Amino acid sequence: MDSAPDLDIRGHLTGLLAGDESLDAFRRWFAASIWCIEQLADDETAELAFAVENRLAEYSSGYITETQLKHALLPLLEHHPVVPG
């Protein structure tokens, strides 16, 4: 069973990739929500958060474009899709 932080991350990723949430809004939410994720969540959720954080860092550093960022984030949802409640 997925944890609440895991579902939050996946839900916001889904919104970002579907175009329902802007990249700026996602980045603000993510930065505020995961600052101590390793203390709040299980290892799988922390791994997901760090994977997202790494991809955002690549984007922020100019190594990848926004389109490339979204393509890099998509596989993070493919293994554990968000199922509407």
PDB file of N, CA and C in Angstrom:
ATOM      1  N   MET A   1       0.838  -1.178   0.000  1.00  0.00           N
ATOM      2  CA  MET A   1       0.000   0.000   0.000  1.00  0.00           C
ATOM      3  C   MET A   1       0.886   1.246   0.000  1.00  0.00           C
ATOM      4  N   ASP A   2       0.528   2.206  -0.813  1.00  0.00           N
ATOM      5  CA  ASP A   2       1.301   3.437  -0.914  1.00  0.00           C
ATOM      6  C   ASP A   2       1.021   4.325   0.286  1.00  0.00           C
ATOM      7  N   SER A   3       2.045   5.064   0.708  1.00  0.00           N
ATOM      8  CA  SER A   3       1.913   5.986   1.827  1.00  0.00           C
ATOM      9  C   SER A   3       1.279   7.290   1.348  1.00  0.00           C
ATOM     10  N   ALA A   4       0.816   8.097   2.297  1.00  0.00           N
ATOM     11  CA  ALA A   4       0.220   9.387   1.951  1.00  0.00           C
ATOM     12  C   ALA A   4       1.211  10.287   1.206  1.00  0.00           C
ATOM     13  N   PRO A   5       2.467  10.420   1.674  1.00  0.00           N
ATOM     14  CA  PRO A   5       3.420  11.245   0.903  1.00  0.00           C
ATOM     15  C   PRO A   5       3.648  10.707  -0.514  1.00  0.00           C
ATOM     16  N   ASP A   6       3.685   9.387  -0.652  1.00  0.00           N
ATOM     17  CA  ASP A   6       3.859   8.767  -1.964  1.00  0.00           C
ATOM     18  C   ASP A   6       2.704   9.150  -2.879  1.00  0.00           C
ATOM     19  N   LEU A   7       1.494   9.025  -2.371  1.00  0.00           N
ATOM     20  CA  LEU A   7       0.314   9.367  -3.169  1.00  0.00           C
ATOM     21  C   LEU A   7       0.281  10.852  -3.499  1.00  0.00           C
ATOM     22  N   ASP A   8       0.704  11.699  -2.567  1.00  0.00           N
ATOM     23  CA  ASP A   8       0.771  13.136  -2.837  1.00  0.00           C
ATOM     24  C   ASP A   8       1.745  13.433  -3.971  1.00  0.00           C
ATOM     25  N   ILE A   9       2.936  12.850  -3.893  1.00  0.00           N
ATOM     26  CA  ILE A   9       3.931  13.072  -4.950  1.00  0.00           C
ATOM     27  C   ILE A   9       3.391  12.604  -6.291  1.00  0.00           C
ATOM     28  N   ARG A  10       2.857  11.396  -6.317  1.00  0.00           N
ATOM     29  CA  ARG A  10       2.344  10.849  -7.587  1.00  0.00           C
ATOM     30  C   ARG A  10       1.153  11.648  -8.107  1.00  0.00           C
ATOM     31  N   GLY A  11       0.308  12.112  -7.198  1.00  0.00           N
ATOM     32  CA  GLY A  11      -0.835  12.921  -7.610  1.00  0.00           C
ATOM     33  C   GLY A  11      -0.405  14.236  -8.241  1.00  0.00           C
ATOM     34  N   HIS A  12       0.565  14.898  -7.625  1.00  0.00           N
ATOM     35  CA  HIS A  12       1.068  16.155  -8.191  1.00  0.00           C
ATOM     36  C   HIS A  12       1.839  15.917  -9.485  1.00  0.00           C
ATOM     37  N   LEU A  13       2.589  14.820  -9.556  1.00  0.00           N
ATOM     38  CA  LEU A  13       3.268  14.487 -10.820  1.00  0.00           C
ATOM     39  C   LEU A  13       2.251  14.268 -11.932  1.00  0.00           C
ATOM     40  N   THR A  14       1.190  13.560 -11.607  1.00  0.00           N
ATOM     41  CA  THR A  14       0.135  13.315 -12.594  1.00  0.00           C
ATOM     42  C   THR A  14      -0.453  14.638 -13.068  1.00  0.00           C
ATOM     43  N   GLY A  15      -0.721  15.542 -12.126  1.00  0.00           N
ATOM     44  CA  GLY A  15      -1.252  16.855 -12.495  1.00  0.00           C
ATOM     45  C   GLY A  15      -0.300  17.639 -13.382  1.00  0.00           C
ATOM     46  N   LEU A  16       0.982  17.583 -13.061  1.00  0.00           N
ATOM     47  CA  LEU A  16       1.990  18.268 -13.869  1.00  0.00           C
ATOM     48  C   LEU A  16       2.031  17.701 -15.280  1.00  0.00           C
ATOM     49  N   LEU A  17       2.107  16.393 -15.376  1.00  0.00           N
ATOM     50  CA  LEU A  17       2.252  15.759 -16.690  1.00  0.00           C
ATOM     51  C   LEU A  17       0.979  15.838 -17.525  1.00  0.00           C
ATOM     52  N   ALA A  18      -0.180  15.965 -16.860  1.00  0.00           N
ATOM     53  CA  ALA A  18      -1.453  16.102 -17.570  1.00  0.00           C
ATOM     54  C   ALA A  18      -1.735  17.550 -17.956  1.00  0.00           C
ATOM     55  N   GLY A  19      -0.907  18.473 -17.459  1.00  0.00           N
ATOM     56  CA  GLY A  19      -1.098  19.882 -17.764  1.00  0.00           C
ATOM     57  C   GLY A  19      -2.064  20.575 -16.817  1.00  0.00           C
ATOM     58  N   ASP A  20      -2.453  19.899 -15.749  1.00  0.00           N
ATOM     59  CA  ASP A  20      -3.370  20.483 -14.773  1.00  0.00           C
ATOM     60  C   ASP A  20      -2.642  21.321 -13.727  1.00  0.00           C
ATOM     61  N   GLU A  21      -1.327  21.186 -13.654  1.00  0.00           N
ATOM     62  CA  GLU A  21      -0.514  21.926 -12.686  1.00  0.00           C
ATOM     63  C   GLU A  21       0.703  22.460 -13.431  1.00  0.00           C
ATOM     64  N   SER A  22       1.022  23.716 -13.213  1.00  0.00           N
ATOM     65  CA  SER A  22       2.193  24.306 -13.881  1.00  0.00           C
ATOM     66  C   SER A  22       3.471  23.777 -13.244  1.00  0.00           C
ATOM     67  N   LEU A  23       4.554  23.870 -13.979  1.00  0.00           N
ATOM     68  CA  LEU A  23       5.843  23.445 -13.451  1.00  0.00           C
ATOM     69  C   LEU A  23       6.225  24.303 -12.248  1.00  0.00           C
ATOM     70  N   ASP A  24       5.977  25.599 -12.321  1.00  0.00           N
ATOM     71  CA  ASP A  24       6.303  26.466 -11.179  1.00  0.00           C
ATOM     72  C   ASP A  24       5.506  26.070  -9.938  1.00  0.00           C
ATOM     73  N   ALA A  25       4.222  25.791 -10.102  1.00  0.00           N
ATOM     74  CA  ALA A  25       3.383  25.383  -8.968  1.00  0.00           C
ATOM     75  C   ALA A  25       3.867  24.049  -8.408  1.00  0.00           C
ATOM     76  N   PHE A  26       4.206  23.114  -9.290  1.00  0.00           N
ATOM     77  CA  PHE A  26       4.702  21.821  -8.845  1.00  0.00           C
ATOM     78  C   PHE A  26       5.998  21.990  -8.060  1.00  0.00           C
ATOM     79  N   ARG A  27       6.916  22.795  -8.572  1.00  0.00           N
ATOM     80  CA  ARG A  27       8.200  22.989  -7.899  1.00  0.00           C
ATOM     81  C   ARG A  27       8.019  23.618  -6.514  1.00  0.00           C
ATOM     82  N   ARG A  28       7.110  24.599  -6.408  1.00  0.00           N
ATOM     83  CA  ARG A  28       6.846  25.223  -5.104  1.00  0.00           C
ATOM     84  C   ARG A  28       6.262  24.196  -4.134  1.00  0.00           C
ATOM     85  N   TRP A  29       5.273  23.422  -4.600  1.00  0.00           N
ATOM     86  CA  TRP A  29       4.665  22.404  -3.741  1.00  0.00           C
ATOM     87  C   TRP A  29       5.714  21.372  -3.330  1.00  0.00           C
ATOM     88  N   PHE A  30       6.495  20.903  -4.271  1.00  0.00           N
ATOM     89  CA  PHE A  30       7.480  19.855  -4.009  1.00  0.00           C
ATOM     90  C   PHE A  30       8.511  20.317  -2.987  1.00  0.00           C
ATOM     91  N   ALA A  31       9.037  21.512  -3.177  1.00  0.00           N
ATOM     92  CA  ALA A  31      10.061  22.030  -2.255  1.00  0.00           C
ATOM     93  C   ALA A  31       9.512  22.151  -0.837  1.00  0.00           C
ATOM     94  N   ALA A  32       8.280  22.591  -0.707  1.00  0.00           N
ATOM     95  CA  ALA A  32       7.683  22.753   0.617  1.00  0.00           C
ATOM     96  C   ALA A  32       7.292  21.424   1.251  1.00  0.00           C
ATOM     97  N   SER A  33       7.002  20.435   0.430  1.00  0.00           N
ATOM     98  CA  SER A  33       6.447  19.177   0.932  1.00  0.00           C
ATOM     99  C   SER A  33       7.469  18.097   1.239  1.00  0.00           C
ATOM    100  N   ILE A  34       8.630  18.140   0.621  1.00  0.00           N
ATOM    101  CA  ILE A  34       9.549  17.002   0.762  1.00  0.00           C
ATOM    102  C   ILE A  34      10.836  17.348   1.481  1.00  0.00           C
ATOM    103  N   TRP A  35      10.906  18.483   2.110  1.00  0.00           N
ATOM    104  CA  TRP A  35      12.180  18.904   2.703  1.00  0.00           C
ATOM    105  C   TRP A  35      12.706  17.930   3.744  1.00  0.00           C
ATOM    106  N   CYS A  36      11.832  17.137   4.361  1.00  0.00           N
ATOM    107  CA  CYS A  36      12.313  16.130   5.327  1.00  0.00           C
ATOM    108  C   CYS A  36      11.684  14.768   5.028  1.00  0.00           C
ATOM    109  N   ILE A  37      11.539  14.445   3.758  1.00  0.00           N
ATOM    110  CA  ILE A  37      10.832  13.233   3.338  1.00  0.00           C
ATOM    111  C   ILE A  37      11.446  11.967   3.929  1.00  0.00           C
ATOM    112  N   GLU A  38      12.754  11.935   4.084  1.00  0.00           N
ATOM    113  CA  GLU A  38      13.380  10.719   4.607  1.00  0.00           C
ATOM    114  C   GLU A  38      12.941  10.430   6.039  1.00  0.00           C
ATOM    115  N   GLN A  39      12.482  11.439   6.749  1.00  0.00           N
ATOM    116  CA  GLN A  39      11.995  11.236   8.112  1.00  0.00           C
ATOM    117  C   GLN A  39      10.505  10.912   8.145  1.00  0.00           C
ATOM    118  N   LEU A  40       9.777  11.274   7.101  1.00  0.00           N
ATOM    119  CA  LEU A  40       8.323  11.130   7.095  1.00  0.00           C
ATOM    120  C   LEU A  40       7.813   9.919   6.343  1.00  0.00           C
ATOM    121  N   ALA A  41       8.645   9.312   5.525  1.00  0.00           N
ATOM    122  CA  ALA A  41       8.140   8.299   4.607  1.00  0.00           C
ATOM    123  C   ALA A  41       9.018   7.058   4.593  1.00  0.00           C
ATOM    124  N   ASP A  42       8.492   6.045   3.944  1.00  0.00           N
ATOM    125  CA  ASP A  42       9.230   4.801   3.784  1.00  0.00           C
ATOM    126  C   ASP A  42      10.321   4.973   2.723  1.00  0.00           C
ATOM    127  N   ASP A  43      11.164   3.960   2.607  1.00  0.00           N
ATOM    128  CA  ASP A  43      12.299   4.032   1.677  1.00  0.00           C
ATOM    129  C   ASP A  43      11.860   4.220   0.229  1.00  0.00           C
ATOM    130  N   GLU A  44      10.786   3.567  -0.179  1.00  0.00           N
ATOM    131  CA  GLU A  44      10.317   3.675  -1.567  1.00  0.00           C
ATOM    132  C   GLU A  44       9.862   5.100  -1.875  1.00  0.00           C
ATOM    133  N   THR A  45       9.160   5.718  -0.937  1.00  0.00           N
ATOM    134  CA  THR A  45       8.707   7.092  -1.137  1.00  0.00           C
ATOM    135  C   THR A  45       9.890   8.049  -1.159  1.00  0.00           C
ATOM    136  N   ALA A  46      10.840   7.849  -0.263  1.00  0.00           N
ATOM    137  CA  ALA A  46      12.040   8.690  -0.252  1.00  0.00           C
ATOM    138  C   ALA A  46      12.795   8.546  -1.566  1.00  0.00           C
ATOM    139  N   GLU A  47      12.889   7.343  -2.082  1.00  0.00           N
ATOM    140  CA  GLU A  47      13.567   7.105  -3.364  1.00  0.00           C
ATOM    141  C   GLU A  47      12.851   7.849  -4.489  1.00  0.00           C
ATOM    142  N   LEU A  48      11.511   7.809  -4.490  1.00  0.00           N
ATOM    143  CA  LEU A  48      10.732   8.540  -5.493  1.00  0.00           C
ATOM    144  C   LEU A  48      11.006  10.042  -5.377  1.00  0.00           C
ATOM    145  N   ALA A  49      10.967  10.564  -4.164  1.00  0.00           N
ATOM    146  CA  ALA A  49      11.193  11.995  -3.952  1.00  0.00           C
ATOM    147  C   ALA A  49      12.578  12.405  -4.428  1.00  0.00           C
ATOM    148  N   PHE A  50      13.578  11.610  -4.119  1.00  0.00           N
ATOM    149  CA  PHE A  50      14.937  11.940  -4.546  1.00  0.00           C
ATOM    150  C   PHE A  50      15.084  11.854  -6.064  1.00  0.00           C
ATOM    151  N   ALA A  51      14.373  10.923  -6.706  1.00  0.00           N
ATOM    152  CA  ALA A  51      14.412  10.825  -8.164  1.00  0.00           C
ATOM    153  C   ALA A  51      13.799  12.073  -8.794  1.00  0.00           C
ATOM    154  N   VAL A  52      12.678  12.529  -8.247  1.00  0.00           N
ATOM    155  CA  VAL A  52      12.056  13.758  -8.745  1.00  0.00           C
ATOM    156  C   VAL A  52      12.993  14.936  -8.505  1.00  0.00           C
ATOM    157  N   GLU A  53      13.549  15.019  -7.312  1.00  0.00           N
ATOM    158  CA  GLU A  53      14.454  16.109  -6.961  1.00  0.00           C
ATOM    159  C   GLU A  53      15.653  16.163  -7.913  1.00  0.00           C
ATOM    160  N   ASN A  54      16.210  15.024  -8.244  1.00  0.00           N
ATOM    161  CA  ASN A  54      17.347  14.973  -9.170  1.00  0.00           C
ATOM    162  C   ASN A  54      16.975  15.477 -10.552  1.00  0.00           C
ATOM    163  N   ARG A  55      15.813  15.097 -11.025  1.00  0.00           N
ATOM    164  CA  ARG A  55      15.388  15.550 -12.349  1.00  0.00           C
ATOM    165  C   ARG A  55      15.104  17.053 -12.345  1.00  0.00           C
ATOM    166  N   LEU A  56      14.511  17.547 -11.262  1.00  0.00           N
ATOM    167  CA  LEU A  56      14.289  18.989 -11.153  1.00  0.00           C
ATOM    168  C   LEU A  56      15.610  19.745 -11.105  1.00  0.00           C
ATOM    169  N   ALA A  57      16.606  19.188 -10.459  1.00  0.00           N
ATOM    170  CA  ALA A  57      17.928  19.821 -10.404  1.00  0.00           C
ATOM    171  C   ALA A  57      18.554  19.877 -11.793  1.00  0.00           C
ATOM    172  N   GLU A  58      18.392  18.817 -12.568  1.00  0.00           N
ATOM    173  CA  GLU A  58      18.908  18.824 -13.942  1.00  0.00           C
ATOM    174  C   GLU A  58      18.244  19.939 -14.739  1.00  0.00           C
ATOM    175  N   TYR A  59      16.945  20.098 -14.559  1.00  0.00           N
ATOM    176  CA  TYR A  59      16.210  21.154 -15.262  1.00  0.00           C
ATOM    177  C   TYR A  59      16.678  22.533 -14.788  1.00  0.00           C
ATOM    178  N   SER A  60      16.745  22.725 -13.482  1.00  0.00           N
ATOM    179  CA  SER A  60      17.140  24.014 -12.915  1.00  0.00           C
ATOM    180  C   SER A  60      18.548  24.415 -13.328  1.00  0.00           C
ATOM    181  N   SER A  61      19.401  23.437 -13.520  1.00  0.00           N
ATOM    182  CA  SER A  61      20.792  23.698 -13.922  1.00  0.00           C
ATOM    183  C   SER A  61      20.939  23.905 -15.419  1.00  0.00           C
ATOM    184  N   GLY A  62      19.855  23.724 -16.162  1.00  0.00           N
ATOM    185  CA  GLY A  62      19.891  23.936 -17.600  1.00  0.00           C
ATOM    186  C   GLY A  62      20.370  22.750 -18.410  1.00  0.00           C
ATOM    187  N   TYR A  63      20.481  21.598 -17.772  1.00  0.00           N
ATOM    188  CA  TYR A  63      20.942  20.406 -18.496  1.00  0.00           C
ATOM    189  C   TYR A  63      19.851  19.801 -19.362  1.00  0.00           C
ATOM    190  N   ILE A  64      18.594  20.007 -18.971  1.00  0.00           N
ATOM    191  CA  ILE A  64      17.480  19.490 -19.756  1.00  0.00           C
ATOM    192  C   ILE A  64      16.402  20.568 -19.867  1.00  0.00           C
ATOM    193  N   THR A  65      15.589  20.461 -20.904  1.00  0.00           N
ATOM    194  CA  THR A  65      14.485  21.401 -21.120  1.00  0.00           C
ATOM    195  C   THR A  65      13.258  20.943 -20.322  1.00  0.00           C
ATOM    196  N   GLU A  66      12.235  21.774 -20.286  1.00  0.00           N
ATOM    197  CA  GLU A  66      11.001  21.397 -19.598  1.00  0.00           C
ATOM    198  C   GLU A  66      10.378  20.153 -20.238  1.00  0.00           C
ATOM    199  N   THR A  67      10.411  20.077 -21.543  1.00  0.00           N
ATOM    200  CA  THR A  67       9.876  18.899 -22.235  1.00  0.00           C
ATOM    201  C   THR A  67      10.666  17.650 -21.855  1.00  0.00           C
ATOM    202  N   GLN A  68      11.981  17.764 -21.829  1.00  0.00           N
ATOM    203  CA  GLN A  68      12.819  16.630 -21.425  1.00  0.00           C
ATOM    204  C   GLN A  68      12.570  16.254 -19.973  1.00  0.00           C
ATOM    205  N   LEU A  69      12.355  17.250 -19.133  1.00  0.00           N
ATOM    206  CA  LEU A  69      12.042  16.995 -17.729  1.00  0.00           C
ATOM    207  C   LEU A  69      10.775  16.160 -17.616  1.00  0.00           C
ATOM    208  N   LYS A  70       9.747  16.561 -18.310  1.00  0.00           N
ATOM    209  CA  LYS A  70       8.470  15.826 -18.240  1.00  0.00           C
ATOM    210  C   LYS A  70       8.623  14.403 -18.762  1.00  0.00           C
ATOM    211  N   HIS A  71       9.410  14.226 -19.810  1.00  0.00           N
ATOM    212  CA  HIS A  71       9.670  12.871 -20.315  1.00  0.00           C
ATOM    213  C   HIS A  71      10.452  12.049 -19.289  1.00  0.00           C
ATOM    214  N   ALA A  72      11.340  12.691 -18.562  1.00  0.00           N
ATOM    215  CA  ALA A  72      12.134  11.993 -17.545  1.00  0.00           C
ATOM    216  C   ALA A  72      11.292  11.645 -16.317  1.00  0.00           C
ATOM    217  N   LEU A  73      10.260  12.440 -16.030  1.00  0.00           N
ATOM    218  CA  LEU A  73       9.405  12.177 -14.874  1.00  0.00           C
ATOM    219  C   LEU A  73       8.361  11.104 -15.149  1.00  0.00           C
ATOM    220  N   LEU A  74       7.949  10.961 -16.388  1.00  0.00           N
ATOM    221  CA  LEU A  74       6.893  10.009 -16.739  1.00  0.00           C
ATOM    222  C   LEU A  74       7.157   8.588 -16.267  1.00  0.00           C
ATOM    223  N   PRO A  75       8.349   8.033 -16.438  1.00  0.00           N
ATOM    224  CA  PRO A  75       8.581   6.656 -15.980  1.00  0.00           C
ATOM    225  C   PRO A  75       8.391   6.467 -14.473  1.00  0.00           C
ATOM    226  N   LEU A  76       8.486   7.541 -13.718  1.00  0.00           N
ATOM    227  CA  LEU A  76       8.283   7.430 -12.271  1.00  0.00           C
ATOM    228  C   LEU A  76       6.839   7.083 -11.934  1.00  0.00           C
ATOM    229  N   LEU A  77       5.921   7.379 -12.837  1.00  0.00           N
ATOM    230  CA  LEU A  77       4.512   7.047 -12.632  1.00  0.00           C
ATOM    231  C   LEU A  77       4.123   5.715 -13.256  1.00  0.00           C
ATOM    232  N   GLU A  78       4.860   5.254 -14.234  1.00  0.00           N
ATOM    233  CA  GLU A  78       4.468   4.066 -14.979  1.00  0.00           C
ATOM    234  C   GLU A  78       4.416   2.811 -14.124  1.00  0.00           C
ATOM    235  N   HIS A  79       5.265   2.722 -13.115  1.00  0.00           N
ATOM    236  CA  HIS A  79       5.284   1.529 -12.283  1.00  0.00           C
ATOM    237  C   HIS A  79       4.219   1.551 -11.203  1.00  0.00           C
ATOM    238  N   HIS A  80       3.806   2.732 -10.809  1.00  0.00           N
ATOM    239  CA  HIS A  80       2.807   2.896  -9.755  1.00  0.00           C
ATOM    240  C   HIS A  80       1.840   3.996 -10.132  1.00  0.00           C
ATOM    241  N   PRO A  81       0.933   3.747 -11.087  1.00  0.00           N
ATOM    242  CA  PRO A  81       0.026   4.802 -11.499  1.00  0.00           C
ATOM    243  C   PRO A  81      -0.925   5.193 -10.370  1.00  0.00           C
ATOM    244  N   VAL A  82      -1.377   6.432 -10.401  1.00  0.00           N
ATOM    245  CA  VAL A  82      -2.345   6.901  -9.424  1.00  0.00           C
ATOM    246  C   VAL A  82      -3.721   6.464  -9.892  1.00  0.00           C
ATOM    247  N   VAL A  83      -4.422   5.757  -9.034  1.00  0.00           N
ATOM    248  CA  VAL A  83      -5.771   5.297  -9.354  1.00  0.00           C
ATOM    249  C   VAL A  83      -6.755   6.194  -8.629  1.00  0.00           C
ATOM    250  N   PRO A  84      -7.638   6.857  -9.393  1.00  0.00           N
ATOM    251  CA  PRO A  84      -8.597   7.754  -8.738  1.00  0.00           C
ATOM    252  C   PRO A  84      -9.415   7.013  -7.681  1.00  0.00           C
ATOM    253  N   GLY A  85      -9.631   7.689  -6.556  1.00  0.00           N
ATOM    254  CA  GLY A  85     -10.320   7.085  -5.428  1.00  0.00           C
ATOM    255  C   GLY A  85     -11.773   7.089  -5.568  1.00  0.00           C
TER     256      GLY A  85
END
